[in-house]
Protein backbone atom coordinates (compact mmCIF):
# COMPACT_ATOMS: atom_id res chain seq x y z
CA MET A 1 15.57 -15.48 -24.13
CA TRP A 2 18.97 -17.41 -24.48
CA THR A 3 21.04 -13.97 -23.33
CA ASN A 4 19.18 -14.27 -20.23
CA VAL A 5 19.36 -17.79 -19.47
CA LEU A 6 23.19 -17.59 -20.04
CA GLN A 7 22.94 -13.94 -17.60
CA LEU A 8 21.15 -16.30 -14.99
CA LEU A 9 23.52 -19.21 -15.48
CA MET A 10 26.89 -16.80 -14.66
CA ILE A 11 25.30 -15.22 -11.57
CA MET A 12 24.74 -18.95 -10.52
CA VAL A 13 28.22 -20.33 -10.95
CA LYS A 14 29.64 -16.70 -9.23
CA ARG A 15 27.46 -17.32 -6.18
CA VAL A 16 27.58 -21.03 -5.79
CA PRO A 17 30.75 -22.39 -3.88
CA THR A 18 32.58 -25.35 -4.94
CA SER A 19 32.26 -26.78 -1.61
CA ILE A 20 28.74 -27.42 -2.52
CA ILE A 21 29.25 -28.84 -5.62
CA CYS A 22 31.79 -31.19 -4.41
CA TYR A 23 29.25 -32.11 -1.34
CA PHE A 24 26.39 -32.82 -4.48
CA VAL A 25 28.80 -35.18 -6.50
CA VAL A 26 29.68 -37.20 -3.68
CA PHE A 27 26.49 -37.26 -2.02
CA TYR A 28 24.72 -39.11 -5.05
CA PHE A 29 27.38 -40.71 -5.89
CA VAL A 30 28.39 -42.22 -2.90
CA PHE A 31 24.71 -42.19 -1.26
CA LEU A 32 21.97 -42.57 -3.85
CA ASN A 33 24.07 -45.06 -5.84
CA ASN A 34 23.55 -47.45 -2.95
CA LEU A 35 19.94 -47.22 -3.12
CA VAL A 36 19.10 -46.98 -6.72
CA ALA A 37 20.32 -49.32 -9.22
CA GLN A 38 18.52 -47.85 -12.73
CA ASP A 39 20.44 -48.18 -15.80
CA PHE A 40 24.02 -46.48 -17.91
CA SER A 41 23.76 -44.16 -20.76
CA ALA A 42 26.70 -42.87 -22.84
CA LYS A 43 26.73 -39.87 -24.42
CA PHE A 44 28.06 -37.76 -27.03
CA TYR A 45 28.66 -34.13 -27.57
CA LEU A 46 29.03 -32.05 -30.79
CA GLY A 47 29.30 -28.21 -30.14
CA ALA A 48 30.97 -24.71 -30.20
CA MET A 49 33.30 -22.92 -27.09
CA TYR A 50 33.46 -19.60 -26.53
CA TYR A 51 35.82 -17.88 -24.90
CA GLN A 52 35.03 -14.84 -22.04
CA GLY A 53 38.46 -12.64 -21.37
CA ASP A 54 41.12 -9.95 -21.96
CA LEU A 55 40.93 -10.64 -25.37
CA SER A 56 36.60 -10.53 -26.14
CA PRO A 57 35.96 -8.51 -28.09
CA ARG A 58 34.26 -5.96 -25.49
CA PRO A 59 35.33 -5.06 -22.10
CA PHE A 60 32.79 -7.03 -19.76
CA ASP A 61 31.40 -10.31 -18.61
CA PHE A 62 28.90 -10.93 -21.46
CA SER A 63 31.55 -11.15 -24.84
CA PHE A 64 32.84 -13.86 -26.07
CA GLY A 65 35.72 -14.68 -28.72
CA PRO A 66 34.93 -16.63 -31.94
CA GLY A 67 32.89 -20.41 -31.48
CA ASN A 68 35.74 -23.01 -31.90
CA MET A 69 34.41 -26.53 -32.18
CA THR A 70 34.28 -29.08 -29.53
CA PHE A 71 33.21 -32.51 -28.92
CA GLY A 72 33.62 -34.81 -26.29
CA ILE A 73 31.48 -38.13 -24.90
CA SER A 74 30.19 -38.65 -21.33
CA ILE A 75 29.95 -42.62 -19.36
CA GLY A 76 26.72 -41.71 -17.03
CA LYS A 77 23.85 -43.52 -14.40
CA ASP A 78 20.36 -42.80 -13.46
CA LEU A 79 20.77 -42.78 -9.87
CA LYS A 80 17.11 -41.87 -9.10
CA ASP A 81 14.15 -40.93 -11.91
CA TRP A 82 15.48 -37.37 -11.15
CA VAL A 83 19.27 -37.58 -10.71
CA SER A 84 22.28 -38.88 -12.23
CA PHE A 85 26.47 -38.50 -12.33
CA HIS A 86 28.46 -38.74 -15.16
CA GLY A 87 32.02 -38.89 -16.26
CA ARG A 88 32.55 -36.34 -18.99
CA PHE A 89 35.76 -36.01 -21.12
CA MET A 90 35.54 -32.56 -23.94
CA LEU A 91 38.36 -32.35 -26.26
CA GLY A 92 38.20 -27.97 -27.67
CA ARG A 93 39.81 -24.85 -28.78
CA LEU A 94 39.63 -21.50 -27.23
CA SER A 95 40.53 -18.48 -29.42
CA GLY A 96 40.83 -13.97 -28.75
CA ASP A 97 41.96 -11.48 -31.09
CA ASP A 98 41.85 -7.62 -30.17
CA ALA A 99 41.56 -7.34 -34.04
CA PHE A 100 37.67 -7.65 -33.34
CA SER A 101 37.67 -5.47 -30.70
CA ASN A 102 35.13 -2.43 -30.76
CA ASP A 103 38.02 -0.17 -29.03
CA ALA A 104 40.76 1.31 -30.85
CA ASN A 105 42.97 0.77 -27.58
CA ARG A 106 42.67 -2.67 -27.36
CA ARG A 107 43.02 -2.86 -31.47
CA SER A 108 45.99 -1.42 -31.08
CA ARG A 109 47.16 -3.68 -27.95
CA ASN A 110 47.42 -6.33 -30.84
CA LEU A 111 47.87 -9.33 -28.79
CA ARG A 112 46.08 -12.58 -29.71
CA PHE A 113 46.14 -16.40 -28.64
CA SER A 114 44.68 -19.93 -29.57
CA THR A 115 44.95 -22.66 -27.19
CA SER A 116 43.71 -26.13 -27.39
CA LEU A 117 41.46 -27.35 -24.09
CA CYS A 118 40.82 -30.67 -22.81
CA GLU A 119 38.16 -31.18 -19.64
CA TYR A 120 38.04 -34.33 -17.67
CA GLY A 121 34.94 -33.97 -15.43
CA VAL A 122 32.55 -35.09 -12.77
CA TYR A 123 28.63 -33.82 -13.11
CA SER A 124 25.62 -34.64 -11.67
CA ASP A 125 22.52 -33.56 -13.57
CA LEU A 126 19.31 -32.72 -11.45
CA LYS A 127 15.81 -33.18 -13.40
CA ILE A 128 13.80 -29.89 -12.97
CA ASN A 129 10.75 -32.20 -14.02
CA LYS A 130 10.45 -33.29 -10.20
CA LEU A 131 9.67 -29.61 -9.43
CA TRP A 132 7.44 -28.83 -12.64
CA LYS A 133 5.63 -31.65 -13.49
CA SER A 134 3.31 -30.10 -16.19
CA LEU A 135 6.49 -30.40 -18.78
CA ASN A 136 6.24 -34.15 -18.80
CA LYS A 137 2.90 -33.82 -21.22
CA TYR A 138 5.56 -32.01 -24.14
CA LYS A 139 7.64 -34.66 -23.64
CA LEU A 140 10.17 -32.50 -22.89
CA ARG A 141 13.19 -33.12 -19.91
CA ILE A 142 14.63 -30.49 -18.28
CA PHE A 143 17.89 -30.83 -16.50
CA LEU A 144 20.38 -28.22 -14.21
CA THR A 145 23.83 -29.76 -14.84
CA ILE A 146 26.29 -29.40 -11.67
CA GLY A 147 29.89 -29.97 -12.35
CA LEU A 148 33.62 -29.80 -11.90
CA ASN A 149 36.53 -30.57 -14.26
CA LEU A 150 40.44 -30.56 -14.64
CA ILE A 151 41.54 -28.23 -17.14
CA HIS A 152 44.50 -28.34 -19.58
CA PHE A 153 45.80 -25.88 -21.78
CA ASN A 154 48.86 -24.46 -23.64
CA PRO A 155 47.96 -20.53 -24.78
CA ARG A 156 49.75 -19.66 -28.09
CA THR A 157 50.16 -17.20 -30.93
CA PHE A 158 51.44 -17.02 -34.60
CA TYR A 159 54.60 -15.04 -34.91
CA ASN A 160 56.91 -15.12 -37.74
CA GLY A 161 55.04 -17.68 -39.50
CA GLN A 162 55.47 -20.43 -36.82
CA TRP A 163 53.45 -20.96 -33.14
CA VAL A 164 55.04 -20.10 -30.07
CA ASN A 165 54.05 -21.15 -27.15
CA LEU A 166 53.58 -18.25 -25.05
CA GLN A 167 53.79 -19.66 -21.33
CA ALA A 168 57.37 -20.90 -22.02
CA ILE A 169 58.47 -17.27 -22.66
CA GLY A 170 57.17 -15.49 -19.82
CA THR A 171 55.44 -12.68 -21.84
CA GLU A 172 54.58 -10.80 -18.30
CA GLY A 173 58.16 -11.14 -16.82
CA GLN A 174 57.58 -14.61 -15.29
CA THR A 175 61.22 -15.84 -16.24
CA LEU A 176 62.92 -12.18 -15.64
CA VAL A 177 65.15 -13.13 -12.40
CA GLY A 178 63.42 -11.10 -9.63
CA SER A 179 60.31 -10.42 -10.24
CA GLY A 180 58.64 -12.33 -8.52
CA LYS A 181 56.43 -13.90 -10.92
CA GLU A 182 56.05 -17.83 -11.41
CA LYS A 183 55.33 -19.28 -14.84
CA TYR A 184 51.41 -20.16 -14.29
CA SER A 185 50.41 -23.89 -14.59
CA LEU A 186 49.05 -25.13 -17.92
CA TYR A 187 46.27 -27.15 -15.48
CA GLY A 188 43.61 -25.72 -13.90
CA ILE A 189 39.92 -26.25 -12.88
CA SER A 190 36.44 -24.97 -13.98
CA ARG A 191 33.49 -25.00 -12.22
CA PRO A 192 30.47 -25.62 -14.90
CA ILE A 193 26.48 -24.98 -13.85
CA GLY A 194 24.33 -25.11 -17.31
CA ILE A 195 21.07 -26.05 -18.67
CA ILE A 196 20.36 -29.25 -20.29
CA LEU A 197 16.66 -29.65 -22.93
CA GLU A 198 15.91 -33.12 -23.37
CA PHE A 199 13.80 -34.67 -26.19
CA ASP A 200 13.31 -38.29 -27.16
CA LEU A 201 14.31 -39.52 -30.81
CA SER A 202 13.47 -43.40 -30.14
CA ARG A 203 13.33 -46.16 -26.96
CA HIS A 204 16.70 -46.17 -26.02
CA LEU A 205 18.04 -42.54 -28.20
CA LEU A 206 17.52 -39.12 -26.61
CA LEU A 207 18.44 -35.55 -28.19
CA GLY A 208 19.72 -33.09 -26.20
CA MET A 209 20.80 -29.59 -26.18
CA GLU A 210 23.08 -27.85 -23.28
CA VAL A 211 23.77 -23.97 -22.46
CA THR A 212 26.94 -24.18 -19.70
CA PRO A 213 29.04 -21.38 -18.65
CA ARG A 214 32.00 -22.39 -16.95
CA ARG A 215 34.15 -20.24 -14.62
CA THR A 216 37.66 -21.18 -14.29
CA TYR A 217 40.15 -20.52 -11.32
CA THR A 218 43.18 -19.09 -13.76
CA ASP A 219 43.45 -15.67 -15.83
CA TYR A 220 46.40 -17.00 -18.39
CA LEU A 221 43.85 -19.07 -20.82
CA ASP A 222 44.66 -16.11 -22.88
CA ASP A 223 48.68 -15.81 -21.64
CA VAL A 224 46.98 -12.03 -20.69
CA SER A 225 46.33 -10.92 -16.83
CA GLY A 226 48.52 -8.57 -15.28
CA THR A 227 51.26 -5.84 -16.60
CA TYR A 228 53.82 -4.87 -18.70
CA VAL A 229 57.44 -5.29 -18.59
CA ASN A 230 59.55 -2.74 -19.91
CA TYR A 231 60.57 -4.39 -23.63
CA ASP A 232 64.52 -3.02 -22.63
CA GLU A 233 64.71 -4.83 -19.50
CA MET A 234 63.48 -8.33 -21.10
CA VAL A 235 66.08 -7.84 -23.95
CA ALA A 236 68.98 -7.31 -21.85
CA ALA A 237 67.87 -10.11 -19.74
CA GLY A 238 68.23 -12.53 -22.96
CA ASN A 239 64.25 -12.75 -23.79
CA GLN A 240 64.08 -11.15 -27.54
CA LEU A 241 60.82 -13.58 -28.18
CA GLY A 242 59.63 -12.29 -24.68
CA ALA A 243 59.78 -8.67 -25.49
CA ASN A 244 58.11 -8.90 -28.96
CA LEU A 245 55.62 -10.72 -28.28
CA SER A 246 54.74 -9.72 -24.62
CA ASN A 247 54.08 -5.95 -26.26
CA ARG A 248 53.01 -5.90 -30.18
CA THR A 249 51.36 -2.36 -30.41
CA GLY A 250 54.49 -1.29 -33.23
CA GLU A 251 53.02 -4.57 -35.25
CA TYR A 252 49.50 -3.00 -35.36
CA PHE A 253 51.15 0.62 -36.20
CA GLY A 254 54.35 -0.78 -38.19
CA THR A 255 56.76 0.82 -36.09
CA ASP A 256 59.76 0.23 -34.06
CA ASN A 257 58.79 -2.22 -30.96
CA VAL A 258 57.29 0.48 -28.22
CA ARG A 259 58.53 0.99 -24.71
CA VAL A 260 56.11 1.28 -21.97
CA PRO A 261 57.15 1.11 -18.61
CA THR A 262 57.09 -1.93 -16.36
CA GLY A 263 53.86 -2.39 -14.18
CA THR A 264 51.88 -0.72 -17.25
CA PRO A 265 48.05 -2.42 -17.07
CA ARG A 266 48.57 -5.40 -19.49
CA GLY A 267 45.40 -7.13 -18.58
CA ASN A 268 42.75 -6.91 -16.02
CA LEU A 269 43.77 -8.64 -13.30
CA LYS A 270 40.45 -8.68 -11.03
CA ASN A 271 38.86 -11.33 -13.12
CA ASN A 272 39.71 -14.74 -14.21
CA ASP A 273 39.09 -16.39 -17.48
CA TRP A 274 35.23 -18.07 -18.76
CA TYR A 275 34.23 -19.96 -21.08
CA THR A 276 30.71 -21.30 -21.95
CA LEU A 277 30.03 -24.78 -24.01
CA PHE A 278 26.91 -24.75 -26.31
CA ALA A 279 26.30 -28.54 -27.06
CA LEU A 280 24.13 -30.87 -29.18
CA SER A 281 23.95 -34.14 -27.46
CA PHE A 282 22.93 -37.80 -28.52
CA LYS A 283 22.20 -39.70 -24.98
CA TYR A 284 21.59 -43.65 -25.62
CA LYS A 285 20.43 -45.16 -22.64
CA PHE A 286 21.37 -48.82 -21.84
CA GLY A 287 19.40 -51.55 -20.36
CA SER A 288 15.53 -52.44 -18.98
CA MET A 289 14.47 -48.87 -18.39
CA PRO A 290 14.56 -46.75 -21.20
CA ALA A 291 13.87 -43.13 -22.14
CA GLN A 292 10.12 -43.16 -23.01
CA ASN A 293 9.59 -45.80 -19.36
CA PHE A 294 10.15 -42.55 -17.60
CA ILE A 295 7.87 -40.74 -19.22
CA GLU A 296 5.14 -43.30 -18.61
CA LYS A 297 6.01 -43.59 -15.37
CA GLN A 298 6.18 -39.42 -15.13
CA ASP A 299 2.72 -39.67 -17.41
CA GLU A 300 1.06 -42.66 -14.10
CA GLU A 301 2.20 -39.32 -11.57
CA LEU A 302 0.56 -36.72 -13.32
CA LYS A 303 -2.41 -38.62 -13.49
CA LYS A 304 -2.33 -39.36 -9.75
CA GLU A 305 -1.65 -35.56 -9.37
CA THR A 306 -4.55 -34.22 -11.44
CA ILE A 307 -6.92 -36.85 -9.47
CA LYS A 308 -6.11 -35.52 -6.29
């Protein structure tokens, strides 16, 4: 079931333009906020982030790297009983390793990375119960969550007993004069669309479960995107460390550094990186309209619909 849900969410993220998401966020915050003054809420998240990219175990979209713990907080406001707006901060980690690949060629490529990931996001949650009112009798609320994140990352790898920042050394020739390449930014945008299930624990406290794929606009979460630069060219340009970490096949076989022609594919230029959040959340609702009041109101609406 979850596999099908994730596939559907990833398709939605690919096809929904960022401009539409911006429109929803601005519309809810600016206009609906003037119409309704509901209550504020705070939410704490605990879960795992899974990387999807050039160093995933399998060479297709629906393949995940190892899960890494993540946590976060958000402050939100219910604008209507079916829509809320909130700001969110998440702190986590992404990682990938060719050692986990089921393909011999990718294992021998022998690349690996780990990066911290900070998200600063704005989200809008749309309650599906508004359209599917029969869910209310189960005391269950389902939300479609849509947002935009500013992300900060910094891919590193472990080499000779220490962690090395990969962007700084230009493993794909970004530091070479005349290469035509520039260092990639360590900031980017991610675009989440996901599903949240929410249950009441008490009058003010709610438990949630969230699955949210995030499409990014960078192919360098893992420092792998384009092509190799010949080992000897990088060494001649004074970038010994970059040459050693660009192509680590020799380490895998226990031989000298492997030389490949400049322009040999190192990653997949066609696809940007993704990552997916799986999380539990604990939500506290402040003010005079606690969680159960929403359910009671929904029950009344359901009864009216039944009478009609």
